[in-house]
């Protein structure tokens, strides 16, 4: 039996998930002892799990057997989880591995459901907890209201109204946080929110091009003064960016395939899944970098199930007359 210590905003959900899969919780917090009716156990851990600083996932380290068991549970339960594995020389006598685990949108939602089996949980709990201290504290207050018997739907409505001004709206500037599978974060620069349909989750972003070069995949000159219009649908597996010259000539479109898109107070965020679709102005479209996602599956960074979803999304895009319908 793998002995695991857990701390951070994902503690309740991961404790439930791992207990259900035969793990033993050691050194539990007082809160976890109460929620799961556990006695304090001082045993040393085989696996230690704790929050990343950005709250977008967890770090974990332990012996190889414990790491493998944890990865198996994550793969079986969290569709879009990203698992980055590294070897760390914590103990020269034991092969120790280190994990950087990312929980994109669907993983957070599944962990919400698991947490809700233990204690009443606001929809979007883990997403809100990753939105910064102000929103995180407001969620804590909202869930205290639920614990006192207030209807959860009324509390969720009040929460949304309370934190609404924390998020961007039309005219605001946001960053596009493009997270790579290896964990590197590429900031695509400031973009202006030109349109935002909150009910539909549709956002249109405008960016000016400030460097020369080539548009990735399109092999078309990138010139200073060009501009980009990016169509974002929150929760979608891709985003579309159309490029124009300074005199409004359409240059082509680049469709980035990614984990379902999330909106944070200062940025649009997703994990790039490497595969992209390029579209010429005349409408001809082609797929690039499929091999990179296939390699990520082989390395265990993403699951085979996620790969299948990406393939289906690409088929849908290629059948949708994407090039001609977007100009």
Protein backbone atom coordinates (compact mmCIF):
# COMPACT_ATOMS: atom_id res chain seq x y z
CA UNK A 1 0.00 0.00 0.00
CA UNK A 2 1.37 3.41 -1.03
CA UNK A 3 1.62 5.91 1.83
CA UNK A 4 0.93 9.45 0.70
CA UNK A 5 1.07 12.89 2.29
CA UNK A 6 -1.04 15.63 0.64
CA UNK A 7 -1.20 19.39 1.19
CA UNK A 8 -2.80 22.27 -0.71
CA UNK A 9 -6.04 23.27 -2.45
CA UNK A 10 -6.46 19.84 -4.09
CA UNK A 11 -6.07 17.93 -0.81
CA UNK A 12 -9.69 16.88 -0.23
CA UNK A 13 -10.29 15.77 -3.83
CA UNK A 14 -6.99 13.90 -4.13
CA UNK A 15 -7.41 12.30 -0.70
CA UNK A 16 -10.81 10.93 -1.75
CA UNK A 17 -9.47 9.78 -5.11
CA UNK A 18 -6.43 8.05 -3.65
CA UNK A 19 -8.28 6.45 -0.71
CA UNK A 20 -10.74 4.98 -3.22
CA UNK A 21 -7.77 3.50 -5.08
CA UNK A 22 -6.13 1.81 -2.11
CA UNK A 23 -3.61 4.45 -1.01
CA UNK A 24 -2.97 5.15 2.68
CA UNK A 25 -3.03 8.77 3.84
CA UNK A 26 -0.26 9.64 6.29
CA UNK A 27 0.39 12.82 8.29
CA UNK A 28 -3.12 14.11 7.47
CA UNK A 29 -4.10 17.66 8.40
CA UNK A 30 -6.69 18.17 11.15
CA UNK A 31 -9.25 19.12 8.50
CA UNK A 32 -8.64 15.94 6.51
CA UNK A 33 -8.85 13.85 9.68
CA UNK A 34 -12.30 15.29 10.33
CA UNK A 35 -13.58 15.03 6.76
CA UNK A 36 -12.48 11.42 6.29
CA UNK A 37 -12.69 10.22 9.89
CA UNK A 38 -8.98 9.42 9.90
CA UNK A 39 -6.65 9.02 12.85
CA UNK A 40 -3.36 10.86 12.75
CA UNK A 41 -0.69 8.63 11.25
CA UNK A 42 2.95 9.66 11.66
CA UNK A 43 4.30 7.06 9.23
CA UNK A 44 6.83 8.32 6.67
CA UNK A 45 5.42 8.83 3.19
CA UNK A 46 6.26 7.04 -0.04
CA UNK A 47 4.78 9.94 -1.98
CA UNK A 48 4.53 13.63 -1.10
CA UNK A 49 2.01 15.81 -2.99
CA UNK A 50 1.72 19.60 -2.63
CA UNK A 51 0.50 22.65 -4.58
CA UNK A 52 2.38 24.33 -7.35
CA UNK A 53 2.85 28.03 -6.66
CA UNK A 54 0.43 28.95 -9.46
CA UNK A 55 -2.20 26.49 -8.11
CA UNK A 56 -2.61 25.07 -11.63
CA UNK A 57 -1.65 21.62 -10.40
CA UNK A 58 0.59 19.83 -7.95
CA UNK A 59 4.15 18.69 -7.48
CA UNK A 60 4.81 15.18 -6.23
CA UNK A 61 7.91 13.20 -5.41
CA UNK A 62 8.51 9.70 -4.16
CA UNK A 63 9.85 6.28 -5.00
CA UNK A 64 9.23 4.81 -8.44
CA UNK A 65 6.48 2.41 -7.32
CA UNK A 66 4.51 5.21 -5.64
CA UNK A 67 4.94 7.55 -8.61
CA UNK A 68 3.75 4.89 -11.05
CA UNK A 69 0.69 4.16 -8.92
CA UNK A 70 -0.19 7.86 -8.67
CA UNK A 71 0.22 8.40 -12.44
CA UNK A 72 -2.05 5.43 -13.14
CA UNK A 73 -4.84 6.89 -10.98
CA UNK A 74 -4.49 10.31 -12.60
CA UNK A 75 -4.61 8.84 -16.10
CA UNK A 76 -7.69 6.76 -15.34
CA UNK A 77 -9.68 9.64 -13.82
CA UNK A 78 -8.55 12.96 -15.31
CA UNK A 79 -8.94 13.22 -19.09
CA UNK A 80 -6.78 16.26 -19.81
CA UNK A 81 -4.20 15.93 -17.03
CA UNK A 82 -0.61 16.77 -18.04
CA UNK A 83 2.12 14.76 -16.28
CA UNK A 84 5.74 15.88 -16.53
CA UNK A 85 8.23 13.48 -15.01
CA UNK A 86 11.76 14.17 -13.79
CA UNK A 87 14.34 12.23 -11.83
CA UNK A 88 15.62 13.91 -8.69
CA UNK A 89 18.54 12.71 -6.52
CA UNK A 90 16.73 13.10 -3.17
CA UNK A 91 18.10 9.79 -1.93
CA UNK A 92 21.02 8.02 -3.55
CA UNK A 93 19.78 4.62 -2.31
CA UNK A 94 16.24 4.92 -3.70
CA UNK A 95 15.26 5.85 -7.24
CA UNK A 96 13.23 9.00 -6.59
CA UNK A 97 11.12 10.69 -9.20
CA UNK A 98 9.56 14.14 -9.30
CA UNK A 99 6.27 15.01 -11.00
CA UNK A 100 4.96 18.34 -12.22
CA UNK A 101 1.24 17.70 -12.69
CA UNK A 102 -0.97 20.22 -14.49
CA UNK A 103 -4.74 20.21 -14.00
CA UNK A 104 -6.36 21.93 -17.01
CA UNK A 105 -10.08 22.77 -17.10
CA UNK A 106 -11.56 19.26 -17.30
CA UNK A 107 -9.29 17.93 -14.57
CA UNK A 108 -10.30 20.76 -12.23
CA UNK A 109 -13.99 20.05 -12.94
CA UNK A 110 -13.57 16.34 -12.22
CA UNK A 111 -11.75 17.13 -8.98
CA UNK A 112 -14.66 19.45 -8.07
CA UNK A 113 -17.05 16.50 -8.47
CA UNK A 114 -14.85 14.25 -6.34
CA UNK A 115 -14.54 16.91 -3.63
CA UNK A 116 -18.31 17.39 -3.67
CA UNK A 117 -18.69 13.73 -2.65
CA UNK A 118 -16.95 14.64 0.61
CA UNK A 119 -18.13 18.19 1.33
CA UNK A 120 -20.51 20.60 -0.46
CA UNK A 121 -18.41 22.25 -3.17
CA UNK A 122 -19.01 25.32 -5.32
CA UNK A 123 -19.03 24.57 -9.04
CA UNK A 124 -15.64 25.76 -10.29
CA UNK A 125 -14.06 25.46 -6.83
CA UNK A 126 -10.53 24.52 -7.97
CA UNK A 127 -10.62 26.94 -10.91
CA UNK A 128 -11.56 29.81 -8.59
CA UNK A 129 -8.88 28.78 -6.07
CA UNK A 130 -6.31 29.19 -8.87
CA UNK A 131 -7.57 32.71 -9.70
CA UNK A 132 -5.63 34.51 -6.99
CA UNK A 133 -6.07 35.37 -3.33
CA UNK A 134 -9.10 37.68 -3.69
CA UNK A 135 -11.27 35.17 -5.53
CA UNK A 136 -9.92 32.25 -3.49
CA UNK A 137 -10.93 33.97 -0.24
CA UNK A 138 -14.38 34.76 -1.64
CA UNK A 139 -14.88 31.07 -2.48
CA UNK A 140 -14.00 30.17 1.11
CA UNK A 141 -16.67 32.57 2.38
CA UNK A 142 -19.22 31.24 -0.12
CA UNK A 143 -18.66 27.66 0.98
CA UNK A 144 -19.05 28.69 4.61
CA UNK A 145 -22.51 30.01 3.67
CA UNK A 146 -23.32 26.61 2.15
CA UNK A 147 -22.15 24.84 5.30
CA UNK A 148 -24.63 26.96 7.25
CA UNK A 149 -27.53 25.69 5.16
CA UNK A 150 -27.80 28.34 2.42
CA UNK A 151 -28.91 26.91 -0.97
CA UNK A 152 -25.89 26.18 -3.14
CA UNK A 153 -27.45 27.60 -6.33
CA UNK A 154 -28.16 30.94 -4.60
CA UNK A 155 -24.64 31.05 -3.16
CA UNK A 156 -23.08 30.31 -6.57
CA UNK A 157 -25.10 33.12 -8.12
CA UNK A 158 -23.98 35.53 -5.39
CA UNK A 159 -20.37 34.42 -5.84
CA UNK A 160 -20.41 35.15 -9.58
CA UNK A 161 -21.83 38.62 -8.96
CA UNK A 162 -19.25 39.33 -6.25
CA UNK A 163 -16.21 38.39 -8.33
CA UNK A 164 -17.44 39.61 -11.73
CA UNK A 165 -15.33 42.77 -11.68
CA UNK A 166 -12.17 40.74 -11.09
CA UNK A 167 -12.34 39.44 -14.66
CA UNK A 168 -11.63 41.29 -17.92
CA UNK A 169 -14.36 42.80 -20.09
CA UNK A 170 -14.54 44.65 -23.39
CA UNK A 171 -11.72 47.14 -23.77
CA UNK A 172 -9.46 45.44 -21.21
CA UNK A 173 -5.99 44.12 -21.93
CA UNK A 174 -5.23 40.46 -21.25
CA UNK A 175 -2.26 38.17 -21.75
CA UNK A 176 -2.50 34.97 -23.75
CA UNK A 177 -0.75 32.35 -21.60
CA UNK A 178 0.38 29.61 -23.98
CA UNK A 179 1.58 26.71 -21.80
CA UNK A 180 3.77 24.12 -23.53
CA UNK A 181 3.64 20.41 -22.76
CA UNK A 182 7.14 20.63 -21.25
CA UNK A 183 5.92 23.27 -18.78
CA UNK A 184 7.41 26.32 -20.45
CA UNK A 185 5.02 29.27 -20.60
CA UNK A 186 5.04 31.48 -23.67
CA UNK A 187 3.31 34.81 -23.22
CA UNK A 188 1.94 35.71 -26.64
CA UNK A 189 1.69 39.33 -25.58
CA UNK A 190 -0.99 41.81 -24.63
CA UNK A 191 -4.30 41.57 -26.44
CA UNK A 192 -7.30 43.89 -26.30
CA UNK A 193 -10.71 42.35 -25.66
CA UNK A 194 -12.68 43.67 -28.64
CA UNK A 195 -15.85 41.69 -27.88
CA UNK A 196 -17.03 39.51 -25.00
CA UNK A 197 -20.27 37.57 -24.91
CA UNK A 198 -20.28 36.36 -21.32
CA UNK A 199 -23.31 34.08 -21.71
CA UNK A 200 -21.83 32.30 -24.72
CA UNK A 201 -18.25 32.41 -23.48
CA UNK A 202 -17.12 34.04 -26.72
CA UNK A 203 -14.18 36.47 -26.69
CA UNK A 204 -12.56 38.30 -29.59
CA UNK A 205 -9.00 39.50 -29.05
CA UNK A 206 -6.97 42.04 -31.04
CA UNK A 207 -3.16 42.11 -31.12
CA UNK A 208 -0.70 44.17 -33.14
CA UNK A 209 2.41 42.48 -34.52
CA UNK A 210 5.62 44.10 -33.30
CA UNK A 211 8.29 41.78 -34.74
CA UNK A 212 9.18 40.62 -38.20
CA UNK A 213 9.55 36.97 -39.16
CA UNK A 214 7.34 34.17 -40.46
CA UNK A 215 3.91 33.08 -39.24
CA UNK A 216 4.40 29.60 -37.81
CA UNK A 217 3.21 26.91 -40.22
CA UNK A 218 1.81 29.37 -42.75
CA UNK A 219 5.28 30.37 -44.06
CA UNK A 220 3.98 33.86 -44.75
CA UNK A 221 5.96 37.01 -43.89
CA UNK A 222 5.21 38.54 -40.52
CA UNK A 223 5.58 42.30 -40.77
CA UNK A 224 5.52 45.10 -38.21
CA UNK A 225 2.09 46.71 -38.41
CA UNK A 226 0.23 43.46 -39.09
CA UNK A 227 -2.53 42.61 -36.66
CA UNK A 228 -4.13 39.42 -35.37
CA UNK A 229 -7.75 38.67 -34.50
CA UNK A 230 -8.13 35.69 -32.18
CA UNK A 231 -11.50 34.02 -31.66
CA UNK A 232 -11.81 32.38 -28.24
CA UNK A 233 -14.63 30.15 -27.07
CA UNK A 234 -14.16 29.37 -23.38
CA UNK A 235 -14.03 25.63 -22.83
CA UNK A 236 -13.17 24.91 -26.47
CA UNK A 237 -10.29 22.67 -27.57
CA UNK A 238 -8.87 25.20 -30.00
CA UNK A 239 -8.58 28.91 -30.75
CA UNK A 240 -8.48 30.55 -34.17
CA UNK A 241 -6.17 33.42 -35.05
CA UNK A 242 -6.49 35.31 -38.34
CA UNK A 243 -3.62 37.48 -39.51
CA UNK A 244 -3.99 40.72 -41.50
CA UNK A 245 -1.60 43.24 -43.02
CA UNK A 246 -1.62 46.87 -41.89
CA UNK A 247 -3.90 47.64 -44.87
CA UNK A 248 -6.38 44.88 -43.92
CA UNK A 249 -5.27 42.22 -46.39
CA UNK A 250 -6.06 38.75 -45.03
CA UNK A 251 -2.87 36.65 -44.74
CA UNK A 252 -4.18 33.37 -43.36
CA UNK A 253 -5.36 31.62 -40.22
CA UNK A 254 -3.67 29.51 -37.56
CA UNK A 255 -5.78 27.20 -35.40
CA UNK A 256 -4.08 26.17 -32.17
CA UNK A 257 -5.22 22.85 -30.67
CA UNK A 258 -5.14 22.96 -26.87
CA UNK A 259 -6.77 21.88 -23.63
CA UNK A 260 -10.16 23.57 -23.02
CA UNK A 261 -9.58 27.31 -22.65
CA UNK A 262 -9.91 29.06 -19.28
CA UNK A 263 -10.31 32.78 -18.51
CA UNK A 264 -8.41 34.19 -15.53
CA UNK A 265 -8.39 37.74 -14.13
CA UNK A 266 -5.34 38.73 -16.19
CA UNK A 267 -5.09 36.13 -18.95
CA UNK A 268 -6.51 33.54 -21.28
CA UNK A 269 -4.89 30.20 -20.37
CA UNK A 270 -4.58 26.74 -21.92
CA UNK A 271 -2.02 24.01 -22.49
CA UNK A 272 -0.83 23.81 -26.08
CA UNK A 273 -1.21 20.26 -27.47
CA UNK A 274 1.35 20.87 -30.25
CA UNK A 275 -0.92 19.95 -33.19
CA UNK A 276 -2.10 22.91 -35.27
CA UNK A 277 -4.17 23.57 -38.39
CA UNK A 278 -2.96 26.14 -40.95
CA UNK A 279 -5.36 27.78 -43.40
CA UNK A 280 -4.40 29.82 -46.47
CA UNK A 281 -6.49 32.83 -47.55
CA UNK A 282 -8.03 30.73 -50.35
CA UNK A 283 -9.25 28.19 -47.80
CA UNK A 284 -6.73 25.37 -48.25
CA UNK A 285 -6.00 23.79 -44.86
CA UNK A 286 -3.43 21.34 -43.51
CA UNK A 287 -2.33 19.86 -40.19
CA UNK A 288 1.15 20.25 -38.68
CA UNK A 289 3.13 18.75 -35.79
CA UNK A 290 0.97 15.64 -35.17
CA UNK A 291 4.18 13.75 -34.44
CA UNK A 292 4.88 15.97 -31.40
CA UNK A 293 1.62 15.01 -29.69
CA UNK A 294 2.16 11.34 -30.56
CA UNK A 295 5.57 11.54 -28.90
CA UNK A 296 4.01 13.15 -25.79
CA UNK A 297 1.64 10.17 -25.53
CA UNK A 298 4.58 7.74 -25.74
CA UNK A 299 6.33 9.65 -22.94
CA UNK A 300 3.24 9.53 -20.73
CA UNK A 301 2.79 13.32 -20.67
CA UNK A 302 -0.75 13.05 -22.05
CA UNK A 303 -3.15 10.14 -22.42
CA UNK A 304 -4.21 8.13 -25.46
CA UNK A 305 -7.79 9.25 -24.74
CA UNK A 306 -6.80 12.89 -25.07
CA UNK A 307 -5.01 12.12 -28.33
CA UNK A 308 -8.22 10.59 -29.72
CA UNK A 309 -10.20 13.72 -28.78
CA UNK A 310 -7.67 15.90 -30.59
CA UNK A 311 -7.93 13.74 -33.71
CA UNK A 312 -11.72 14.04 -33.65
CA UNK A 313 -11.53 17.84 -33.22
CA UNK A 314 -9.18 18.14 -36.18
CA UNK A 315 -11.52 16.06 -38.35
CA UNK A 316 -14.41 18.36 -37.38
CA UNK A 317 -12.38 21.45 -38.24
CA UNK A 318 -11.25 20.13 -41.62
CA UNK A 319 -14.86 19.26 -42.55
CA UNK A 320 -16.23 22.66 -41.50
CA UNK A 321 -14.96 24.77 -44.40
CA UNK A 322 -12.94 26.67 -41.80
CA UNK A 323 -10.93 28.82 -44.18
CA UNK A 324 -13.76 30.32 -46.18
CA UNK A 325 -16.18 30.73 -43.27
CA UNK A 326 -13.78 32.78 -41.13
CA UNK A 327 -13.03 35.69 -43.46
